[in-house]
Amino acid sequence: MIIPPVEGLRYDKESNTFFTEAGNPYGLEAGEKAGVFVKDAVEINCKMESAIGLVPKVLEVMQKKIMEEEKEFKYALPFNFNNTSSNDYQEID
């Protein structure tokens, strides 16, 4: 599985965790835990999907950049996939 790079974050394969790099655009200290990768996190439309969970500060900066550059609002799912007992969701048409 290929984990997509996230600007200003370093991915640690052993812990499946994202950590901030020095000079990151999120205003976080270098080395802070900024997110996690969860393999087979959720079932959507009968297919298991992996997910990346990021801390709110990272999401805020990413959403602002997308709004400015692409003129779109992309909404992050507010779920903690590490602690969810039922991960079966259906897409709404």
Protein backbone atom coordinates (compact mmCIF):
# COMPACT_ATOMS: atom_id res chain seq x y z
CA MET A 1 0.00 0.00 0.00
CA ILE A 2 1.31 3.45 -0.91
CA ILE A 3 0.77 6.15 1.70
CA PRO A 4 0.35 9.53 0.00
CA PRO A 5 2.78 12.20 1.18
CA VAL A 6 1.37 15.07 3.24
CA GLU A 7 3.16 18.42 3.06
CA GLY A 8 5.12 19.14 6.22
CA LEU A 9 4.60 15.67 7.67
CA ARG A 10 6.84 12.61 7.92
CA TYR A 11 5.27 9.14 7.89
CA ASP A 12 6.70 6.46 10.17
CA LYS A 13 5.91 3.00 8.72
CA GLU A 14 6.51 1.09 11.94
CA SER A 15 3.95 3.03 13.97
CA ASN A 16 1.67 4.05 11.06
CA THR A 17 1.94 7.59 12.41
CA PHE A 18 2.49 11.00 10.83
CA PHE A 19 4.82 13.42 12.63
CA THR A 20 5.39 17.10 11.88
CA GLU A 21 8.59 18.23 10.22
CA ALA A 22 10.48 21.41 11.04
CA GLY A 23 8.99 24.42 9.25
CA ASN A 24 5.62 22.73 8.63
CA PRO A 25 2.77 25.02 7.50
CA TYR A 26 0.52 23.97 10.40
CA GLY A 27 2.20 25.97 13.15
CA LEU A 28 3.04 22.79 15.07
CA GLU A 29 6.35 21.93 16.74
CA ALA A 30 8.64 19.56 14.84
CA GLY A 31 8.13 15.95 15.89
CA GLU A 32 4.52 16.31 17.10
CA LYS A 33 2.11 13.49 16.30
CA ALA A 34 -0.09 14.83 13.53
CA GLY A 35 -2.03 11.81 12.36
CA VAL A 36 -2.32 8.08 11.78
CA PHE A 37 -2.85 5.70 8.88
CA VAL A 38 -5.46 2.98 9.48
CA LYS A 39 -5.55 0.08 7.02
CA ASP A 40 -9.08 -1.17 6.27
CA ALA A 41 -10.53 1.55 8.48
CA VAL A 42 -14.05 1.63 7.16
CA GLU A 43 -16.40 -0.27 4.87
CA ILE A 44 -17.96 2.01 2.27
CA ASN A 45 -20.33 0.54 -0.30
CA CYS A 46 -19.29 -3.01 0.61
CA LYS A 47 -15.57 -2.32 0.13
CA MET A 48 -12.97 -1.87 2.86
CA GLU A 49 -11.15 1.45 2.58
CA SER A 50 -8.07 2.66 4.39
CA ALA A 51 -7.98 6.11 5.96
CA ILE A 52 -5.62 8.78 7.19
CA GLY A 53 -6.67 10.55 10.36
CA LEU A 54 -5.13 13.98 10.92
CA VAL A 55 -5.24 16.36 13.88
CA PRO A 56 -7.65 19.32 13.50
CA LYS A 57 -4.91 21.94 13.00
CA VAL A 58 -3.54 20.06 9.97
CA LEU A 59 -7.03 19.66 8.51
CA GLU A 60 -7.80 23.36 8.97
CA VAL A 61 -4.71 24.41 7.01
CA MET A 62 -5.32 21.81 4.29
CA GLN A 63 -8.97 22.82 3.87
CA LYS A 64 -8.07 26.51 3.68
CA LYS A 65 -5.49 25.79 0.97
CA ILE A 66 -7.98 23.72 -1.05
CA MET A 67 -10.61 26.48 -0.76
CA GLU A 68 -8.15 29.12 -1.97
CA GLU A 69 -6.64 27.08 -4.81
CA GLU A 70 -9.51 24.88 -6.01
CA LYS A 71 -12.52 26.90 -4.82
CA GLU A 72 -13.93 23.69 -3.31
CA PHE A 73 -14.81 22.68 0.22
CA LYS A 74 -13.76 19.14 1.07
CA TYR A 75 -15.14 17.91 4.35
CA ALA A 76 -13.12 15.54 6.50
CA LEU A 77 -15.07 12.71 8.13
CA PRO A 78 -15.10 13.35 11.89
CA PHE A 79 -14.52 9.75 13.00
CA ASN A 80 -11.81 8.18 15.09
CA PHE A 81 -11.43 4.97 13.09
CA ASN A 82 -9.16 3.48 15.77
CA ASN A 83 -12.01 3.47 18.30
CA THR A 84 -15.11 2.81 16.21
CA SER A 85 -16.87 -0.49 16.81
CA SER A 86 -18.95 -0.49 13.63
CA ASN A 87 -17.22 0.75 10.50
CA ASP A 88 -19.91 0.03 7.92
CA TYR A 89 -21.06 3.17 6.09
CA GLN A 90 -22.99 3.63 2.87
CA GLU A 91 -22.47 6.51 0.47
CA ILE A 92 -25.53 8.70 0.06
CA ASP A 93 -26.48 9.36 -3.57
